[in-house]
PDB file of N, CA and C in Angstrom:
ATOM      1  N   MET A   1       0.821  -1.206  -0.001  1.00  0.00           N
ATOM      2  CA  MET A   1       0.010   0.072  -0.051  1.00  0.00           C
ATOM      3  C   MET A   1       0.962   1.249   0.107  1.00  0.00           C
ATOM      4  N   HIS A   2       0.452   2.209  -0.681  1.00  0.00           N
ATOM      5  CA  HIS A   2       1.208   3.426  -0.678  1.00  0.00           C
ATOM      6  C   HIS A   2       1.258   4.005   0.534  1.00  0.00           C
ATOM      7  N   TYR A   3       2.425   4.692   0.985  1.00  0.00           N
ATOM      8  CA  TYR A   3       2.569   5.232   2.335  1.00  0.00           C
ATOM      9  C   TYR A   3       1.599   6.344   2.778  1.00  0.00           C
ATOM     10  N   MET A   4       1.096   7.145   1.743  1.00  0.00           N
ATOM     11  CA  MET A   4       0.099   8.210   1.910  1.00  0.00           C
ATOM     12  C   MET A   4      -1.211   7.455   2.279  1.00  0.00           C
ATOM     13  N   VAL A   5      -1.618   6.553   1.487  1.00  0.00           N
ATOM     14  CA  VAL A   5      -2.965   5.788   1.840  1.00  0.00           C
ATOM     15  C   VAL A   5      -2.775   5.128   3.226  1.00  0.00           C
ATOM     16  N   ARG A   6      -1.609   4.375   3.503  1.00  0.00           N
ATOM     17  CA  ARG A   6      -1.348   3.941   4.670  1.00  0.00           C
ATOM     18  C   ARG A   6      -1.526   4.805   6.028  1.00  0.00           C
ATOM     19  N   ALA A   7      -1.107   6.111   5.738  1.00  0.00           N
ATOM     20  CA  ALA A   7      -1.107   7.076   6.773  1.00  0.00           C
ATOM     21  C   ALA A   7      -2.561   7.375   6.956  1.00  0.00           C
ATOM     22  N   VAL A   8      -3.349   7.606   5.886  1.00  0.00           N
ATOM     23  CA  VAL A   8      -4.766   7.925   5.977  1.00  0.00           C
ATOM     24  C   VAL A   8      -5.632   6.897   6.680  1.00  0.00           C
ATOM     25  N   SER A   9      -5.268   5.596   6.388  1.00  0.00           N
ATOM     26  CA  SER A   9      -6.029   4.540   6.830  1.00  0.00           C
ATOM     27  C   SER A   9      -6.121   4.372   8.270  1.00  0.00           C
ATOM     28  N   PHE A  10      -5.001   4.833   8.987  1.00  0.00           N
ATOM     29  CA  PHE A  10      -5.014   4.635  10.400  1.00  0.00           C
ATOM     30  C   PHE A  10      -5.900   5.601  11.184  1.00  0.00           C
ATOM     31  N   ILE A  11      -6.499   6.530  10.524  1.00  0.00           N
ATOM     32  CA  ILE A  11      -7.495   7.428  11.260  1.00  0.00           C
ATOM     33  C   ILE A  11      -8.894   6.852  10.939  1.00  0.00           C
ATOM     34  N   LEU A  12      -8.969   5.891  10.003  1.00  0.00           N
ATOM     35  CA  LEU A  12     -10.387   5.441   9.689  1.00  0.00           C
ATOM     36  C   LEU A  12     -10.812   4.578  10.868  1.00  0.00           C
ATOM     37  N   PRO A  13     -12.086   4.431  11.007  1.00  0.00           N
ATOM     38  CA  PRO A  13     -12.773   3.735  12.199  1.00  0.00           C
ATOM     39  C   PRO A  13     -12.446   2.291  12.330  1.00  0.00           C
ATOM     40  N   LEU A  14     -12.384   1.618  11.086  1.00  0.00           N
ATOM     41  CA  LEU A  14     -12.253   0.148  11.206  1.00  0.00           C
ATOM     42  C   LEU A  14     -10.882  -0.486  10.922  1.00  0.00           C
ATOM     43  N   THR A  15      -9.924   0.382  10.788  1.00  0.00           N
ATOM     44  CA  THR A  15      -8.601  -0.159  10.556  1.00  0.00           C
ATOM     45  C   THR A  15      -7.978  -0.981  11.653  1.00  0.00           C
ATOM     46  N   LEU A  16      -7.846  -0.358  12.844  1.00  0.00           N
ATOM     47  CA  LEU A  16      -7.462  -0.940  14.127  1.00  0.00           C
ATOM     48  C   LEU A  16      -8.292  -2.056  14.552  1.00  0.00           C
ATOM     49  N   SER A  17      -9.606  -1.981  14.474  1.00  0.00           N
ATOM     50  CA  SER A  17     -10.346  -3.192  14.859  1.00  0.00           C
ATOM     51  C   SER A  17     -10.296  -4.288  13.965  1.00  0.00           C
ATOM     52  N   THR A  18     -10.250  -4.095  12.590  1.00  0.00           N
ATOM     53  CA  THR A  18      -9.948  -5.138  11.752  1.00  0.00           C
ATOM     54  C   THR A  18      -8.648  -5.795  11.957  1.00  0.00           C
ATOM     55  N   GLU A  19      -7.730  -5.040  12.185  1.00  0.00           N
ATOM     56  CA  GLU A  19      -6.349  -5.684  12.543  1.00  0.00           C
ATOM     57  C   GLU A  19      -6.338  -6.466  13.796  1.00  0.00           C
ATOM     58  N   SER A  20      -7.126  -6.034  14.766  1.00  0.00           N
ATOM     59  CA  SER A  20      -7.243  -6.663  16.101  1.00  0.00           C
ATOM     60  C   SER A  20      -8.019  -8.049  15.818  1.00  0.00           C
ATOM     61  N   LEU A  21      -9.138  -8.002  15.075  1.00  0.00           N
ATOM     62  CA  LEU A  21      -9.825  -9.317  14.786  1.00  0.00           C
ATOM     63  C   LEU A  21      -8.968 -10.171  14.067  1.00  0.00           C
ATOM     64  N   ARG A  22      -8.156  -9.732  13.102  1.00  0.00           N
ATOM     65  CA  ARG A  22      -7.191 -10.634  12.341  1.00  0.00           C
ATOM     66  C   ARG A  22      -6.146 -11.223  13.288  1.00  0.00           C
ATOM     67  N   CYS A  23      -5.656 -10.492  14.164  1.00  0.00           N
ATOM     68  CA  CYS A  23      -4.591 -11.081  15.230  1.00  0.00           C
ATOM     69  C   CYS A  23      -5.283 -12.134  16.103  1.00  0.00           C
ATOM     70  N   ILE A  24      -6.549 -11.879  16.413  1.00  0.00           N
ATOM     71  CA  ILE A  24      -7.203 -12.886  17.412  1.00  0.00           C
ATOM     72  C   ILE A  24      -7.581 -14.186  16.559  1.00  0.00           C
ATOM     73  N   LEU A  25      -8.043 -14.007  15.300  1.00  0.00           N
ATOM     74  CA  LEU A  25      -8.611 -15.271  14.648  1.00  0.00           C
ATOM     75  C   LEU A  25      -7.307 -15.972  13.968  1.00  0.00           C
ATOM     76  N   ALA A  26      -6.402 -15.267  13.378  1.00  0.00           N
ATOM     77  CA  ALA A  26      -5.349 -15.918  12.595  1.00  0.00           C
ATOM     78  C   ALA A  26      -4.173 -16.454  13.428  1.00  0.00           C
ATOM     79  N   LYS A  27      -3.944 -15.496  14.554  1.00  0.00           N
ATOM     80  CA  LYS A  27      -2.662 -15.786  15.240  1.00  0.00           C
ATOM     81  C   LYS A  27      -3.050 -16.300  16.564  1.00  0.00           C
ATOM     82  N   GLY A  28      -4.241 -16.379  17.070  1.00  0.00           N
ATOM     83  CA  GLY A  28      -4.697 -16.818  18.280  1.00  0.00           C
ATOM     84  C   GLY A  28      -4.260 -16.100  19.426  1.00  0.00           C
ATOM     85  N   TRP A  29      -4.080 -14.764  19.283  1.00  0.00           N
ATOM     86  CA  TRP A  29      -3.629 -13.813  20.355  1.00  0.00           C
ATOM     87  C   TRP A  29      -4.856 -13.537  21.273  1.00  0.00           C
ATOM     88  N   ASP A  30      -4.463 -13.219  22.638  1.00  0.00           N
ATOM     89  CA  ASP A  30      -5.529 -12.838  23.519  1.00  0.00           C
ATOM     90  C   ASP A  30      -5.399 -11.420  23.760  1.00  0.00           C
ATOM     91  N   MET A  31      -6.079 -10.925  24.879  1.00  0.00           N
ATOM     92  CA  MET A  31      -6.219  -9.459  25.167  1.00  0.00           C
ATOM     93  C   MET A  31      -4.885  -8.702  25.648  1.00  0.00           C
ATOM     94  N   ASN A  32      -3.939  -9.530  25.961  1.00  0.00           N
ATOM     95  CA  ASN A  32      -2.728  -8.976  26.515  1.00  0.00           C
ATOM     96  C   ASN A  32      -1.814  -8.546  25.388  1.00  0.00           C
ATOM     97  N   GLU A  33      -2.016  -8.768  24.156  1.00  0.00           N
ATOM     98  CA  GLU A  33      -1.259  -8.177  23.138  1.00  0.00           C
ATOM     99  C   GLU A  33      -1.510  -6.717  22.718  1.00  0.00           C
ATOM    100  N   PRO A  34      -0.682  -5.932  22.563  1.00  0.00           N
ATOM    101  CA  PRO A  34      -0.945  -4.490  22.259  1.00  0.00           C
ATOM    102  C   PRO A  34      -1.899  -4.331  20.920  1.00  0.00           C
ATOM    103  N   ASP A  35      -1.646  -5.139  19.949  1.00  0.00           N
ATOM    104  CA  ASP A  35      -2.425  -5.001  18.704  1.00  0.00           C
ATOM    105  C   ASP A  35      -3.876  -5.248  18.875  1.00  0.00           C
ATOM    106  N   VAL A  36      -4.181  -6.033  19.833  1.00  0.00           N
ATOM    107  CA  VAL A  36      -5.564  -6.561  20.172  1.00  0.00           C
ATOM    108  C   VAL A  36      -6.196  -5.547  21.081  1.00  0.00           C
ATOM    109  N   TYR A  37      -5.681  -5.110  22.230  1.00  0.00           N
ATOM    110  CA  TYR A  37      -6.444  -4.179  22.951  1.00  0.00           C
ATOM    111  C   TYR A  37      -6.494  -2.686  22.411  1.00  0.00           C
ATOM    112  N   LEU A  38      -5.498  -2.373  21.554  1.00  0.00           N
ATOM    113  CA  LEU A  38      -5.605  -1.066  20.882  1.00  0.00           C
ATOM    114  C   LEU A  38      -6.764  -1.106  19.926  1.00  0.00           C
ATOM    115  N   GLY A  39      -7.068  -2.312  19.262  1.00  0.00           N
ATOM    116  CA  GLY A  39      -8.153  -2.349  18.482  1.00  0.00           C
ATOM    117  C   GLY A  39      -9.601  -2.158  19.243  1.00  0.00           C
ATOM    118  N   PHE A  40      -9.616  -2.784  20.344  1.00  0.00           N
ATOM    119  CA  PHE A  40     -10.764  -2.544  21.215  1.00  0.00           C
ATOM    120  C   PHE A  40     -10.991  -1.136  21.768  1.00  0.00           C
ATOM    121  N   ILE A  41      -9.776  -0.481  22.155  1.00  0.00           N
ATOM    122  CA  ILE A  41      -9.808   0.841  22.599  1.00  0.00           C
ATOM    123  C   ILE A  41     -10.208   1.754  21.399  1.00  0.00           C
ATOM    124  N   ALA A  42      -9.679   1.525  20.313  1.00  0.00           N
ATOM    125  CA  ALA A  42     -10.023   2.332  19.106  1.00  0.00           C
ATOM    126  C   ALA A  42     -11.537   2.078  18.820  1.00  0.00           C
ATOM    127  N   THR A  43     -12.089   1.097  18.932  1.00  0.00           N
ATOM    128  CA  THR A  43     -13.541   0.792  18.552  1.00  0.00           C
ATOM    129  C   THR A  43     -14.486   1.580  19.706  1.00  0.00           C
ATOM    130  N   PHE A  44     -14.042   1.353  20.863  1.00  0.00           N
ATOM    131  CA  PHE A  44     -14.816   2.010  21.888  1.00  0.00           C
ATOM    132  C   PHE A  44     -14.700   3.563  21.681  1.00  0.00           C
ATOM    133  N   LEU A  45     -13.564   4.069  21.391  1.00  0.00           N
ATOM    134  CA  LEU A  45     -13.445   5.496  21.294  1.00  0.00           C
ATOM    135  C   LEU A  45     -14.318   5.969  20.095  1.00  0.00           C
ATOM    136  N   TRP A  46     -14.284   5.217  18.961  1.00  0.00           N
ATOM    137  CA  TRP A  46     -15.102   5.641  17.875  1.00  0.00           C
ATOM    138  C   TRP A  46     -16.641   5.533  18.152  1.00  0.00           C
ATOM    139  N   ILE A  47     -16.990   4.637  19.016  1.00  0.00           N
ATOM    140  CA  ILE A  47     -18.416   4.438  19.287  1.00  0.00           C
ATOM    141  C   ILE A  47     -18.831   5.584  20.218  1.00  0.00           C
ATOM    142  N   SER A  48     -17.972   6.019  21.198  1.00  0.00           N
ATOM    143  CA  SER A  48     -18.267   7.311  21.957  1.00  0.00           C
ATOM    144  C   SER A  48     -18.327   8.564  21.270  1.00  0.00           C
ATOM    145  N   VAL A  49     -17.404   8.734  20.164  1.00  0.00           N
ATOM    146  CA  VAL A  49     -17.475   9.911  19.398  1.00  0.00           C
ATOM    147  C   VAL A  49     -18.707   9.944  18.507  1.00  0.00           C
ATOM    148  N   PHE A  50     -19.168   8.797  17.877  1.00  0.00           N
ATOM    149  CA  PHE A  50     -20.281   8.807  17.226  1.00  0.00           C
ATOM    150  C   PHE A  50     -21.523   8.931  18.019  1.00  0.00           C
ATOM    151  N   LEU A  51     -21.554   8.397  19.126  1.00  0.00           N
ATOM    152  CA  LEU A  51     -22.782   8.370  20.023  1.00  0.00           C
ATOM    153  C   LEU A  51     -22.952   9.790  20.564  1.00  0.00           C
ATOM    154  N   THR A  52     -21.821  10.330  20.921  1.00  0.00           N
ATOM    155  CA  THR A  52     -21.874  11.860  21.508  1.00  0.00           C
ATOM    156  C   THR A  52     -22.359  12.819  20.389  1.00  0.00           C
ATOM    157  N   SER A  53     -21.795  12.496  19.335  1.00  0.00           N
ATOM    158  CA  SER A  53     -22.178  13.566  18.214  1.00  0.00           C
ATOM    159  C   SER A  53     -23.643  13.324  17.867  1.00  0.00           C
ATOM    160  N   SER A  54     -24.111  12.110  17.713  1.00  0.00           N
ATOM    161  CA  SER A  54     -25.394  11.870  17.526  1.00  0.00           C
ATOM    162  C   SER A  54     -26.426  12.478  18.529  1.00  0.00           C
ATOM    163  N   VAL A  55     -26.022  12.141  19.800  1.00  0.00           N
ATOM    164  CA  VAL A  55     -26.948  12.773  20.898  1.00  0.00           C
ATOM    165  C   VAL A  55     -27.040  14.320  20.915  1.00  0.00           C
ATOM    166  N   LEU A  56     -25.787  14.937  20.655  1.00  0.00           N
ATOM    167  CA  LEU A  56     -25.837  16.483  20.435  1.00  0.00           C
ATOM    168  C   LEU A  56     -26.613  16.826  19.263  1.00  0.00           C
ATOM    169  N   LEU A  57     -26.471  16.237  18.225  1.00  0.00           N
ATOM    170  CA  LEU A  57     -27.147  16.592  16.995  1.00  0.00           C
ATOM    171  C   LEU A  57     -28.806  16.470  17.204  1.00  0.00           C
ATOM    172  N   ILE A  58     -29.179  15.392  17.821  1.00  0.00           N
ATOM    173  CA  ILE A  58     -30.680  15.303  18.128  1.00  0.00           C
ATOM    174  C   ILE A  58     -31.092  16.273  19.128  1.00  0.00           C
ATOM    175  N   LYS A  59     -30.396  16.699  20.234  1.00  0.00           N
ATOM    176  CA  LYS A  59     -30.528  17.593  21.117  1.00  0.00           C
ATOM    177  C   LYS A  59     -30.765  19.002  20.573  1.00  0.00           C
ATOM    178  N   PHE A  60     -29.816  19.350  19.610  1.00  0.00           N
ATOM    179  CA  PHE A  60     -29.834  20.724  19.165  1.00  0.00           C
ATOM    180  C   PHE A  60     -30.841  20.866  18.091  1.00  0.00           C
ATOM    181  N   ARG A  61     -31.256  19.746  17.275  1.00  0.00           N
ATOM    182  CA  ARG A  61     -32.200  19.777  16.166  1.00  0.00           C
ATOM    183  C   ARG A  61     -33.457  20.125  16.780  1.00  0.00           C
ATOM    184  N   LYS A  62     -33.909  19.379  17.986  1.00  0.00           N
ATOM    185  CA  LYS A  62     -35.191  19.537  18.490  1.00  0.00           C
ATOM    186  C   LYS A  62     -35.397  20.939  19.229  1.00  0.00           C
ATOM    187  N   GLY A  63     -34.385  21.646  19.543  1.00  0.00           N
ATOM    188  CA  GLY A  63     -34.560  22.901  20.130  1.00  0.00           C
ATOM    189  C   GLY A  63     -34.457  22.822  21.529  1.00  0.00           C
TER     190      GLY A  63
END
């Protein structure tokens, strides 16, 4: 992958979680590995960002 595309891909929501799932399924790693728990942290972080933004959007749209 081109280095510019790779740099952009790390800020996308599913990159780290997909890598985490790949490590769990293919390599048999558990939660103690940094690649695995960073994927879970990134997933929960994106969930909180999207949940917060949707709640704020609904709150301010209703008035």
